[in-house]
Protein backbone atom coordinates (compact mmCIF):
# COMPACT_ATOMS: atom_id res chain seq x y z
CA MET A 1 72.44 57.89 133.09
CA ASP A 2 70.70 57.21 129.74
CA THR A 3 71.31 54.00 127.80
CA LEU A 4 70.08 52.68 124.52
CA SER A 5 69.17 48.97 123.98
CA ASN A 6 67.69 47.05 121.19
CA SER A 7 65.03 44.56 122.36
CA GLU A 8 64.42 41.33 120.38
CA PRO A 9 61.57 42.29 117.78
CA MET A 10 58.54 40.13 117.65
CA SER A 11 57.44 38.71 114.24
CA GLY A 12 56.54 41.52 112.10
CA ALA A 13 57.39 44.15 114.63
CA VAL A 14 59.70 47.09 114.07
CA ASP A 15 62.96 47.01 115.89
CA VAL A 16 62.60 50.37 117.87
CA PRO A 17 65.45 51.54 120.20
CA VAL A 18 64.42 51.60 123.80
CA ARG A 19 65.76 54.40 126.03
CA VAL A 20 66.44 53.30 129.59
CA ILE A 21 66.79 55.98 132.12
CA ASP A 22 68.97 55.01 135.04
CA PRO A 23 69.67 57.30 138.04
CA PRO A 24 73.50 58.38 138.02
CA HIS A 25 75.69 57.27 140.79
CA GLY A 26 78.37 58.96 143.01
CA TRP A 27 78.14 61.20 146.33
CA ILE A 28 76.54 64.02 144.20
CA PRO A 29 74.66 61.92 141.61
CA VAL A 30 73.93 64.66 139.03
CA ASN A 31 74.14 64.09 135.36
CA TRP A 32 75.80 67.41 134.16
CA ARG A 33 75.78 66.21 130.60
CA GLU A 34 72.08 65.63 130.66
CA LEU A 35 71.67 69.05 132.16
CA TRP A 36 73.67 70.60 129.38
CA TYR A 37 71.45 68.60 126.84
CA TYR A 38 68.37 70.17 128.15
CA ARG A 39 69.64 73.67 128.13
CA GLU A 40 67.07 74.96 125.74
CA LEU A 41 64.33 73.95 128.23
CA LEU A 42 66.13 75.75 131.22
CA TYR A 43 66.28 78.93 128.88
CA PHE A 44 62.65 78.71 128.04
CA LEU A 45 61.50 78.03 131.60
CA THR A 46 63.59 81.02 132.72
CA TRP A 47 62.21 83.45 130.45
CA ARG A 48 58.62 82.08 130.85
CA ASP A 49 59.10 82.79 134.58
CA VAL A 50 60.15 86.37 133.87
CA ALA A 51 57.44 86.86 131.21
CA VAL A 52 54.45 85.55 133.37
CA ARG A 53 55.73 87.54 136.38
CA TYR A 54 55.30 90.79 134.60
CA LYS A 55 52.48 89.97 132.22
CA GLN A 56 49.55 92.45 132.10
CA THR A 57 51.38 94.81 134.58
CA VAL A 58 51.20 98.56 134.05
CA LEU A 59 55.04 99.04 134.96
CA GLY A 60 56.36 95.76 133.74
CA VAL A 61 60.06 95.09 134.43
CA LEU A 62 60.31 98.49 136.24
CA TRP A 63 58.79 96.47 139.43
CA ALA A 64 62.32 94.99 139.56
CA ILE A 65 63.55 98.45 140.31
CA LEU A 66 60.57 99.89 142.19
CA GLN A 67 60.56 97.28 145.00
CA PRO A 68 64.13 97.51 146.09
CA PHE A 69 63.81 101.45 145.76
CA VAL A 70 60.94 101.42 148.05
CA LYS A 71 62.67 99.42 150.67
CA LEU A 72 65.85 101.71 150.28
CA VAL A 73 63.73 104.71 150.96
CA VAL A 74 61.99 103.15 154.10
CA PHE A 75 65.14 101.58 155.61
CA SER A 76 67.15 104.80 155.00
CA VAL A 77 64.61 106.84 156.84
CA VAL A 78 64.07 104.29 159.67
CA PHE A 79 67.65 103.05 160.10
CA GLY A 80 69.63 105.85 158.71
CA ARG A 81 67.96 109.02 159.89
CA MET A 82 65.91 107.87 162.96
CA ALA A 83 68.20 105.16 164.30
CA ARG A 84 71.42 106.61 163.12
CA MET A 85 72.94 103.32 162.07
CA ASP A 86 76.57 103.26 161.56
CA SER A 87 77.53 103.12 157.75
CA GLU A 88 81.31 103.07 158.19
CA GLY A 89 81.61 106.65 157.02
CA PHE A 90 79.74 106.13 153.73
CA PRO A 91 76.31 107.67 152.81
CA TYR A 92 73.67 105.27 154.40
CA PRO A 93 71.61 104.88 151.30
CA ILE A 94 74.24 103.49 149.12
CA PHE A 95 75.79 101.49 152.04
CA LEU A 96 72.44 99.96 152.47
CA TYR A 97 71.64 99.26 148.81
CA ALA A 98 74.96 97.64 148.26
CA GLY A 99 73.95 95.03 150.78
CA LEU A 100 70.14 95.03 150.01
CA LEU A 101 70.65 94.35 146.38
CA PRO A 102 72.29 90.93 146.71
CA TRP A 103 69.97 90.10 149.61
CA GLN A 104 66.92 91.06 147.60
CA PHE A 105 68.06 88.70 144.85
CA PHE A 106 68.86 85.72 147.45
CA SER A 107 65.47 86.05 149.21
CA GLU A 108 63.39 86.42 146.06
CA ALA A 109 65.28 83.30 144.46
CA LEU A 110 64.88 81.33 147.69
CA THR A 111 61.19 81.88 147.96
CA ARG A 112 60.41 81.15 144.16
CA SER A 113 62.61 78.11 143.93
CA SER A 114 61.44 76.57 147.09
CA GLN A 115 58.07 76.10 145.50
CA SER A 116 58.93 75.53 141.99
CA VAL A 117 58.69 71.82 141.99
CA VAL A 118 55.09 72.07 143.50
CA VAL A 119 53.94 74.82 141.08
CA GLY A 120 55.51 72.77 138.12
CA ALA A 121 53.69 69.58 139.24
CA HIS A 122 51.97 69.32 135.83
CA MET A 123 55.16 68.98 133.96
CA VAL A 124 56.58 66.64 136.47
CA GLN A 125 53.77 64.20 136.23
CA LYS A 126 53.68 64.28 132.39
CA VAL A 127 57.15 64.16 130.77
CA TYR A 128 60.67 63.21 131.61
CA PHE A 129 63.35 65.83 132.15
CA PRO A 130 65.91 66.61 134.73
CA ARG A 131 63.85 67.92 137.60
CA LEU A 132 66.62 69.97 138.78
CA ILE A 133 66.00 72.43 135.93
CA ILE A 134 62.79 73.62 137.66
CA PRO A 135 64.35 75.33 140.61
CA VAL A 136 67.43 76.35 138.61
CA ALA A 137 65.28 78.03 136.09
CA SER A 138 63.45 80.05 139.18
CA VAL A 139 66.74 81.35 140.36
CA GLY A 140 67.54 82.27 136.72
CA GLY A 141 64.55 84.26 136.45
CA CYS A 142 65.39 86.17 139.58
CA LEU A 143 68.84 86.81 138.08
CA VAL A 144 67.24 88.79 135.34
CA ASP A 145 65.62 91.08 138.06
CA PHE A 146 69.01 91.29 139.94
CA ALA A 147 70.65 92.80 136.59
CA ILE A 148 67.83 95.21 136.11
CA SER A 149 68.00 96.44 139.83
CA PHE A 150 71.76 96.74 139.37
CA VAL A 151 71.09 99.97 137.30
CA LEU A 152 69.74 101.70 140.58
CA LEU A 153 73.04 100.83 142.30
CA VAL A 154 75.05 102.51 139.39
CA GLY A 155 72.70 105.41 139.61
CA LEU A 156 73.31 105.72 143.35
CA MET A 157 77.22 105.38 142.79
CA PHE A 158 76.98 108.35 140.32
CA TYR A 159 74.74 110.40 142.59
CA TYR A 160 77.18 110.05 145.84
CA GLY A 161 80.33 110.20 143.81
CA VAL A 162 81.35 106.78 144.43
CA THR A 163 84.18 105.85 141.90
CA PRO A 164 84.60 102.12 141.40
CA GLY A 165 88.01 100.69 141.83
CA LEU A 166 89.62 97.42 140.77
CA GLY A 167 87.72 95.72 143.60
CA PHE A 168 84.66 96.35 141.65
CA PHE A 169 85.54 93.56 139.25
CA MET A 170 84.78 91.26 142.24
CA VAL A 171 81.11 91.77 141.65
CA VAL A 172 81.12 89.01 139.00
CA PRO A 173 82.48 86.15 141.25
CA LEU A 174 80.32 87.45 144.18
CA VAL A 175 77.21 87.14 141.89
CA ALA A 176 78.39 83.45 141.02
CA LEU A 177 78.63 82.82 144.93
CA THR A 178 75.14 84.40 145.56
CA VAL A 179 73.59 82.08 142.91
CA ILE A 180 75.25 79.13 144.55
CA ALA A 181 73.94 80.19 147.94
CA ALA A 182 70.49 80.67 146.54
CA LEU A 183 70.52 77.33 144.60
CA GLY A 184 71.70 75.50 147.59
CA ALA A 185 68.91 76.76 149.90
CA GLY A 186 66.32 76.74 147.01
CA ILE A 187 66.99 73.30 145.72
CA LEU A 188 66.88 71.87 149.28
CA LEU A 189 63.67 73.54 150.12
CA SER A 190 62.16 72.69 146.76
CA ALA A 191 62.58 69.03 147.58
CA LEU A 192 61.14 69.48 151.13
CA SER A 193 58.27 71.34 149.93
CA VAL A 194 57.01 68.33 147.83
CA ALA A 195 56.91 66.11 150.97
CA TYR A 196 56.08 68.68 153.51
CA ARG A 197 53.71 71.41 152.30
CA ASP A 198 54.37 73.57 155.61
CA VAL A 199 57.41 74.74 153.78
CA ARG A 200 55.50 77.36 151.95
CA TYR A 201 54.51 78.97 155.09
CA VAL A 202 58.00 78.66 156.90
CA VAL A 203 59.96 80.20 154.09
CA PRO A 204 58.52 83.83 154.34
CA PHE A 205 59.17 83.78 158.10
CA VAL A 206 62.65 82.30 157.66
CA THR A 207 63.81 84.88 155.03
CA GLN A 208 62.56 87.71 157.34
CA VAL A 209 64.64 86.45 160.21
CA TRP A 210 67.57 85.55 158.05
CA MET A 211 67.85 89.27 156.88
CA PHE A 212 68.39 90.51 160.17
CA LEU A 213 71.00 87.83 160.89
CA THR A 214 72.78 89.12 157.88
CA PRO A 215 74.59 92.53 157.84
CA VAL A 216 72.14 94.18 155.21
CA ILE A 217 71.10 97.06 157.32
CA TYR A 218 74.18 97.24 159.68
CA PRO A 219 77.93 96.83 159.24
CA VAL A 220 79.66 93.60 160.36
CA ARG A 221 81.82 95.61 162.81
CA LEU A 222 78.57 96.23 164.81
CA VAL A 223 78.71 92.59 165.95
CA PRO A 224 81.17 91.99 168.73
CA SER A 225 84.42 90.43 167.46
CA ARG A 226 83.93 87.30 169.42
CA TRP A 227 80.67 86.45 167.67
CA GLN A 228 81.83 87.52 164.07
CA TRP A 229 82.98 84.02 163.40
CA LEU A 230 79.39 82.75 164.15
CA LEU A 231 78.02 85.31 161.71
CA SER A 232 80.29 84.22 158.87
CA LEU A 233 78.78 80.85 159.13
CA ASN A 234 75.66 82.43 157.37
CA PRO A 235 76.54 82.08 153.82
CA MET A 236 75.20 85.40 152.97
CA SER A 237 77.00 87.29 155.60
CA GLY A 238 80.41 87.38 154.07
CA ILE A 239 78.99 87.66 150.62
CA VAL A 240 76.84 90.74 151.45
CA ASP A 241 79.81 92.47 153.13
CA ALA A 242 82.08 91.61 150.24
CA TYR A 243 79.59 93.29 147.92
CA ARG A 244 80.02 96.48 149.90
CA SER A 245 83.66 96.14 149.60
CA ALA A 246 83.51 95.81 145.98
CA VAL A 247 81.22 98.78 145.49
CA LEU A 248 82.40 101.20 148.06
CA GLY A 249 86.17 100.24 147.95
CA LYS A 250 86.65 99.40 151.59
CA PRO A 251 88.97 96.45 152.45
CA PHE A 252 87.69 92.95 151.95
CA ALA A 253 87.22 90.71 154.94
CA TRP A 254 88.74 87.72 153.11
CA VAL A 255 88.51 85.36 155.90
CA ASN A 256 84.69 85.96 156.51
CA LEU A 257 83.96 85.57 152.74
CA ALA A 258 86.12 82.37 152.38
CA VAL A 259 83.96 81.07 155.37
CA SER A 260 80.73 82.02 154.01
CA ALA A 261 81.65 80.93 150.55
CA GLY A 262 82.59 77.40 151.87
CA VAL A 263 79.29 77.01 153.70
CA ALA A 264 77.39 78.06 150.60
CA VAL A 265 79.28 75.31 148.47
CA VAL A 266 78.63 72.56 151.19
CA VAL A 267 74.88 73.52 151.32
CA PHE A 268 74.84 73.30 147.62
CA ALA A 269 76.38 69.94 147.49
CA ILE A 270 74.01 68.48 150.23
CA ALA A 271 71.06 70.00 148.48
CA LEU A 272 72.02 68.33 145.15
CA ARG A 273 72.37 64.87 146.75
CA TYR A 274 69.08 65.23 148.88
CA PHE A 275 67.08 66.57 145.79
CA ARG A 276 68.31 63.56 143.61
CA LYS A 277 67.35 61.25 146.37
CA LEU A 278 63.96 62.29 146.51
CA GLU A 279 63.44 63.11 142.85
CA VAL A 280 62.29 59.60 141.99
CA ARG A 281 59.14 60.09 144.17
CA PHE A 282 58.18 63.47 142.86
CA ALA A 283 55.74 62.29 140.31
CA ASP A 284 53.94 60.15 142.86
CA VAL A 285 53.76 62.65 145.66
CA VAL A 286 53.46 66.08 144.07
């Protein structure tokens, strides 16, 4: 919380307002008004992240489509043709990409946001602003890539003759849930990476294992019914399956989605509290 106070001026001195920055209080001590005040900085850091990523590249933003496309081709050959993976009666490429698209966004956002505070150490040590903006901007930059990659999904829907129904409008709240899940994990890991630099080596390994614990390349029904409740504790499990329902028009598993969404929100709340707790030491440690 920011407060202004007028100190007693010395003889001949100018009475200058003093800005006192106090940490906010509460179970989730986040000053939302302050974040809104610094919204232009958030916008700048987000677009800077996107611009730096594709600066001096031949293909530019087309890399946002090329990377998931290459994965789509490789996974379709290995799991679709060779392993004959169940795709619930839908063409495997579009079944796969409907799950691969949100996962690609989540994993990229998690990787970038987890190291964002360490990478932005030069800003943290020089000027005050809400440090929470740094990992949020990293996720925002990945959201731009997600929007570009979505074009490929539309192309696949047209190619395979998949007509979107009313469930397709669920994509908007599902994107919001994916952002919350990515922010929760990314903010938590960004705070941990300041104190423990091992996090930069752990995150790539965790995301690889996490993908196979998420129904990206296989359907949820492939998991025995007695273990599906455990699968839904993975916040991305219900979200990925819901993306497929929205795109392909299959029934939504509302219970699994509700559980995964609840876990994502809880992790997000815990991450905010932990981040704010360690934030006061960032400038000294980073």
